[in-house]
Amino acid sequence: MAHSLYLLRHGETAWNRERRIQGWRDSPLTERGVRQARAMGRRLAELLPHPGAATLYTSPQGRAVASADLVSAAFDSPFADRIVVPDLRERGFGDWEGQSHAELEAAQPGALARLAAAGWTGAAPGGESLRELSERVGRWWQTVPRDGIVVVVAHGQVSRVFRGLLLGLGPEETRHLPSAEQDSFFRFAEGQLATIPALAHEVDAFEEP
């Protein structure tokens, strides 16, 4: 296991604010999202005053890369390495991406409820299941050296399955883990997961779906 791991979710985006499903698509950070990412960077810099001992891994999606840039800017010196990881992209929601919850419910009444009821193996049309997401995140995690400090900037659904992997949880326990906030992050060390506040809480973070 890495000496310690820090798991961050990107800051709020325009589509988060509109309760619109992003998945593999993207939208820019809002002003609040920029504040959140900067706050996470400042808090992380307090915990990691020497980032040269850490490797930063980020999803390739714009909202995660922009958040990682803002986090990195809080440090006086760079991370040992910064690696873009395709397997850290958000869960795909296929045909639903770009639609708001209200639009999807109007077009397909009960669609979100049916997805939730389908559990670990359910997927939106053309999208991914939580099982598929967990498999690709786990595939990447198996390649990461366990003797250093790891910082990950990714997404809400990625955070959920990754926390399940770190804690050794089964599918049902994993899918019922709490959402990843956008004004705090997780630290995993010595087998324990802790939430680290970064910014005074404003409103509940939107997680898709």
Protein backbone atom coordinates (compact mmCIF):
# COMPACT_ATOMS: atom_id res chain seq x y z
CA MET A 1 0.00 0.00 0.00
CA ALA A 2 1.17 3.51 -0.73
CA HIS A 3 2.44 5.36 2.32
CA SER A 4 -0.63 7.59 1.97
CA LEU A 5 -3.22 8.34 -0.68
CA TYR A 6 -5.30 11.48 -1.22
CA LEU A 7 -8.45 11.19 -3.31
CA LEU A 8 -9.98 14.41 -4.67
CA ARG A 9 -13.06 15.06 -6.76
CA HIS A 10 -13.04 17.88 -9.32
CA GLY A 11 -14.70 21.18 -8.39
CA GLU A 12 -18.28 22.03 -9.29
CA THR A 13 -19.02 22.33 -13.01
CA ALA A 14 -21.70 24.12 -14.99
CA TRP A 15 -23.49 20.82 -15.59
CA ASN A 16 -23.27 19.89 -11.90
CA ARG A 17 -25.10 23.13 -11.14
CA GLU A 18 -27.73 22.35 -13.77
CA ARG A 19 -28.07 18.74 -12.50
CA ARG A 20 -27.04 17.57 -15.96
CA ILE A 21 -25.43 14.16 -16.53
CA GLN A 22 -21.80 14.52 -17.67
CA GLY A 23 -20.24 11.07 -17.76
CA TRP A 24 -17.60 11.09 -20.49
CA ARG A 25 -18.70 14.53 -21.69
CA ASP A 26 -17.52 17.73 -20.05
CA SER A 27 -18.43 21.21 -18.89
CA PRO A 28 -16.28 23.97 -17.38
CA LEU A 29 -15.72 24.61 -13.69
CA THR A 30 -17.96 27.26 -12.19
CA GLU A 31 -16.55 30.09 -10.08
CA ARG A 32 -17.49 28.01 -7.05
CA GLY A 33 -15.74 25.01 -8.56
CA VAL A 34 -12.56 27.05 -8.98
CA ARG A 35 -12.77 28.13 -5.33
CA GLN A 36 -13.24 24.52 -4.26
CA ALA A 37 -10.24 23.25 -6.23
CA ARG A 38 -8.03 26.04 -4.93
CA ALA A 39 -9.15 25.33 -1.38
CA MET A 40 -8.37 21.63 -1.79
CA GLY A 41 -4.94 22.59 -3.08
CA ARG A 42 -4.22 24.84 -0.12
CA ARG A 43 -5.33 22.19 2.36
CA LEU A 44 -3.34 19.50 0.59
CA ALA A 45 -0.25 21.75 0.64
CA GLU A 46 -0.56 21.94 4.43
CA LEU A 47 -0.54 18.15 4.60
CA LEU A 48 2.14 17.64 1.92
CA PRO A 49 4.64 20.49 2.26
CA HIS A 50 7.09 18.58 0.02
CA PRO A 51 5.14 17.48 -3.08
CA GLY A 52 8.31 16.11 -4.65
CA ALA A 53 7.61 12.95 -2.66
CA ALA A 54 4.16 12.50 -4.29
CA THR A 55 2.83 11.48 -7.69
CA LEU A 56 -0.30 13.18 -9.01
CA TYR A 57 -2.66 11.04 -11.10
CA THR A 58 -5.56 12.68 -12.89
CA SER A 59 -8.47 11.72 -15.09
CA PRO A 60 -8.03 12.96 -18.68
CA GLN A 61 -11.34 14.86 -18.61
CA GLY A 62 -11.25 18.65 -18.71
CA ARG A 63 -12.93 19.26 -15.36
CA ALA A 64 -10.46 16.99 -13.57
CA VAL A 65 -7.42 18.39 -15.40
CA ALA A 66 -8.51 21.97 -14.62
CA SER A 67 -8.99 21.04 -10.96
CA ALA A 68 -5.58 19.34 -10.87
CA ASP A 69 -4.00 22.49 -12.32
CA LEU A 70 -5.55 24.59 -9.54
CA VAL A 71 -4.49 22.09 -6.88
CA SER A 72 -0.93 22.05 -8.22
CA ALA A 73 -0.77 25.84 -8.23
CA ALA A 74 -1.08 25.83 -4.42
CA PHE A 75 2.38 24.27 -4.09
CA ASP A 76 5.70 26.12 -4.28
CA SER A 77 7.34 23.17 -6.04
CA PRO A 78 6.02 20.50 -8.42
CA PHE A 79 4.92 16.96 -7.74
CA ALA A 80 7.44 14.22 -8.45
CA ASP A 81 5.37 13.30 -11.48
CA ARG A 82 1.96 14.05 -12.97
CA ILE A 83 0.30 11.27 -14.92
CA VAL A 84 -2.94 11.37 -16.91
CA VAL A 85 -4.79 8.06 -16.54
CA PRO A 86 -7.54 7.16 -19.05
CA ASP A 87 -8.97 4.57 -16.61
CA LEU A 88 -9.75 7.37 -14.12
CA ARG A 89 -12.33 8.99 -16.41
CA GLU A 90 -15.85 9.18 -15.03
CA ARG A 91 -18.41 6.39 -15.40
CA GLY A 92 -19.96 6.50 -18.84
CA PHE A 93 -23.69 7.22 -19.05
CA GLY A 94 -24.04 6.73 -22.80
CA ASP A 95 -27.23 8.10 -24.32
CA TRP A 96 -28.10 10.00 -21.14
CA GLU A 97 -25.09 12.30 -21.19
CA GLY A 98 -25.97 15.96 -21.62
CA GLN A 99 -29.51 15.53 -20.29
CA SER A 100 -30.66 17.00 -17.01
CA HIS A 101 -32.38 14.74 -14.51
CA ALA A 102 -35.66 16.54 -15.22
CA GLU A 103 -35.27 16.10 -18.99
CA LEU A 104 -34.46 12.41 -18.64
CA GLU A 105 -37.38 11.82 -16.30
CA ALA A 106 -39.74 13.58 -18.71
CA ALA A 107 -38.52 11.54 -21.68
CA GLN A 108 -38.15 8.20 -19.84
CA PRO A 109 -40.17 8.20 -16.61
CA GLY A 110 -38.50 6.10 -13.92
CA ALA A 111 -35.21 5.63 -15.82
CA LEU A 112 -32.99 6.74 -12.95
CA ALA A 113 -34.93 4.64 -10.45
CA ARG A 114 -34.54 1.59 -12.68
CA LEU A 115 -30.80 2.19 -12.93
CA ALA A 116 -30.51 2.40 -9.16
CA ALA A 117 -32.59 -0.77 -8.75
CA ALA A 118 -30.34 -2.64 -11.21
CA GLY A 119 -27.48 -2.20 -8.74
CA TRP A 120 -23.88 -3.15 -9.46
CA THR A 121 -24.46 -4.41 -13.00
CA GLY A 122 -26.97 -1.80 -14.22
CA ALA A 123 -26.00 0.67 -16.92
CA ALA A 124 -27.55 3.50 -18.92
CA PRO A 125 -28.05 2.71 -22.62
CA GLY A 126 -24.58 2.74 -24.13
CA GLY A 127 -23.03 3.41 -20.71
CA GLU A 128 -21.09 1.56 -18.03
CA SER A 129 -22.08 -0.37 -14.94
CA LEU A 130 -20.46 0.19 -11.57
CA ARG A 131 -18.88 -3.24 -11.96
CA GLU A 132 -17.19 -2.18 -15.23
CA LEU A 133 -16.07 1.09 -13.66
CA SER A 134 -14.62 -0.70 -10.63
CA GLU A 135 -12.79 -3.16 -12.87
CA ARG A 136 -11.02 -0.45 -14.86
CA VAL A 137 -10.13 1.62 -11.78
CA GLY A 138 -8.82 -1.56 -10.13
CA ARG A 139 -6.82 -2.41 -13.23
CA TRP A 140 -5.04 0.96 -13.00
CA TRP A 141 -4.54 0.67 -9.22
CA GLN A 142 -2.70 -2.61 -9.65
CA THR A 143 -0.02 -0.75 -11.65
CA VAL A 144 0.66 1.95 -9.01
CA PRO A 145 3.77 1.57 -6.82
CA ARG A 146 2.85 1.04 -3.16
CA ASP A 147 5.87 2.75 -1.62
CA GLY A 148 5.08 6.42 -2.21
CA ILE A 149 2.51 9.17 -1.72
CA VAL A 150 -0.33 9.18 -4.24
CA VAL A 151 -2.69 12.08 -5.09
CA VAL A 152 -5.67 11.34 -7.35
CA VAL A 153 -7.96 13.94 -8.96
CA ALA A 154 -11.00 12.27 -10.50
CA HIS A 155 -14.80 12.08 -10.27
CA GLY A 156 -17.70 11.22 -7.99
CA GLN A 157 -18.45 7.73 -9.26
CA VAL A 158 -14.75 6.94 -9.59
CA SER A 159 -14.26 8.02 -5.98
CA ARG A 160 -17.01 5.68 -4.80
CA VAL A 161 -15.67 2.54 -6.46
CA PHE A 162 -12.08 3.42 -5.59
CA ARG A 163 -12.97 3.81 -1.91
CA GLY A 164 -14.67 0.43 -2.09
CA LEU A 165 -11.50 -1.12 -3.50
CA LEU A 166 -9.30 0.51 -0.86
CA LEU A 167 -11.56 -0.68 1.97
CA GLY A 168 -12.07 -4.17 0.53
CA LEU A 169 -15.85 -3.74 0.30
CA GLY A 170 -18.29 -5.82 -1.70
CA PRO A 171 -20.57 -4.44 -4.43
CA GLU A 172 -23.55 -3.55 -2.23
CA GLU A 173 -21.43 -1.85 0.42
CA THR A 174 -19.50 0.04 -2.24
CA ARG A 175 -22.49 1.40 -4.10
CA HIS A 176 -24.01 2.72 -0.89
CA LEU A 177 -20.91 4.65 0.18
CA PRO A 178 -21.58 8.38 0.64
CA SER A 179 -21.03 10.78 -2.22
CA ALA A 180 -17.69 12.48 -2.73
CA GLU A 181 -18.04 16.15 -1.88
CA GLN A 182 -16.39 18.90 -3.89
CA ASP A 183 -15.23 20.94 -0.89
CA SER A 184 -13.36 18.14 0.91
CA PHE A 185 -11.28 15.10 0.02
CA PHE A 186 -10.29 11.68 1.35
CA ARG A 187 -7.04 10.47 2.87
CA PHE A 188 -6.30 6.76 3.05
CA ALA A 189 -3.44 5.69 5.29
CA GLU A 190 -2.73 2.63 7.44
CA GLY A 191 -5.97 1.03 6.29
CA GLN A 192 -8.11 3.95 7.48
CA LEU A 193 -10.14 6.37 5.38
CA ALA A 194 -10.61 9.94 6.65
CA THR A 195 -12.44 12.95 5.24
CA ILE A 196 -10.38 16.15 5.11
CA PRO A 197 -12.44 19.40 4.97
CA ALA A 198 -11.04 22.04 2.62
CA LEU A 199 -13.75 24.70 2.32
CA ALA A 200 -16.72 25.68 4.46
CA HIS A 201 -19.67 23.60 3.23
CA GLU A 202 -22.08 25.53 1.00
CA VAL A 203 -24.57 23.12 -0.58
CA ASP A 204 -24.71 19.38 -1.18
CA ALA A 205 -22.55 18.28 -4.08
CA PHE A 206 -24.41 16.88 -7.08
CA GLU A 207 -23.33 13.41 -8.09
CA GLU A 208 -24.43 11.92 -11.36
CA PRO A 209 -26.92 10.32 -11.46
